[in-house]
Amino acid sequence: MDVDTLVVGAGVVGLAAARALAAAGREVVVLEQAHAIGTATSSRNSGVIHAGIYYPPKSLKASLCVRGKALLYEYCAARNVRQRRCGKLLVATSEPERALLEGYAARALQNGAGELPWIPAREVAIMEPQIRCVAALHSASSGIVDVHELMSALAADVESGGGHVVLNAKLERAEIAAGGFALSLSDGHGTRLRCRELVNAAGLEAPALAQRIAGLSPSLIPTASFARGHYYSLRGPAPIERLIYPVADAHSLGIHATLDLSGRVRFGPDVEWIDAVDYRFAADLRERFAGAIRRYYPALDASRLEPDYTGIRPKINSPDEPAADFRIDGPAIHGVAGLVNLFGIESPGLTASLAIAERVTACLRT
């Protein structure tokens, strides 16, 4: 069996890439080892459409987030995927934190994310009566999306473009061969096939998959690291109408408040570095969450906090290093025709997914 292009990983990024490649005229197969699409990183996040504020200027995270945000809103409107531009308040809860907000405002302009208006505390109290701060920035272009609807729409586009999504199938090994790749699958049938192009969009397992590509230099494969975040949901009426983000520390965006399209409020994530993929929920985090949340939502009733889920970010940096940028490693980087490895596609990967797909297509353009 031969195909033009094999995309490994049916998360939102893999599906977006497959959709773009199918639209460019390729016969595309998406290979997913799980029983359904998007069961890992894509379905275990807050569903936020980011504006492009936090990332270093000229980074891929910054440019692809800003581009991806525009593409994502456009796509959702065209495909009737539910989304809402609810906006986000970035809040300073003490005077020293004002300087951090100033940095956010400057970086947003540098990144092309637009101007973030200053909102004084008295106006925040009108916009969000439960929120307390000394000042805030307003990101009007931030929003939320139904991730499952988005992935379903992308998968449908792949299929309508002549492609296929194959579940319960794992790529065990790939060998660089004349004109493409020879592949061995673990699918219960011992399937072997050839493809001309191979896109590694395996998320948490992308480095491990790259190690199974015979002929790819190990020096070009990053070490995988895993950062687990816990999310609590708030039982009962929602106290907010917008996303609320405290100022970030060196390693995370803090415990922020997000909404889903049903109006439910979630808080998270804390950041915990772990050695392997493990979605277990710790039992002793409620008070720590409550203390952090009360910095900006002092009326929180901690008894309303309920464990919700955990998510893991596919990091390619260690806990002691600055957050790594996205890596979209095409032939210009590793010298292997037809191969694209996507490494470290963590937040804002959801927002950037359609822009990442454009880059993948450009890498494979002949």
Foldseek 3Di string as FASTA:
>chain_A
DEFAEEEEALALQSLLLLLLVLVVPGAYEYEAQAPDHRPAQLVFDQQKLDLQQPDAFPFCQLQLSNVLLVVVVVVCVVQVFDKDQLKEKAFALDPVCVVLVVSSQVRCVRSVSDGWDKDAQVRVCVQQVQWGGRIITIRRSMIGTDSVSSSVSSQVSSVVSNYYYDYNKAWQAWEQDVQFIWTFIDRVPRDIYTYNAYEYPHFLCLLVHVVRYPPFDNVPRFDWWKKKWWKWWFPDAASHRHKYWYPPDQQDRFFTWDAHPVGIIMTDTDIDIDDDDDWDDDDPCLVVRLVRVCSTRVVDDSVRIDTDTMHMFTFRDDRVDGGDGWDFDACVHGVRQRYTGTGRCGPVNSSSSNVVSVVNVVSNDD
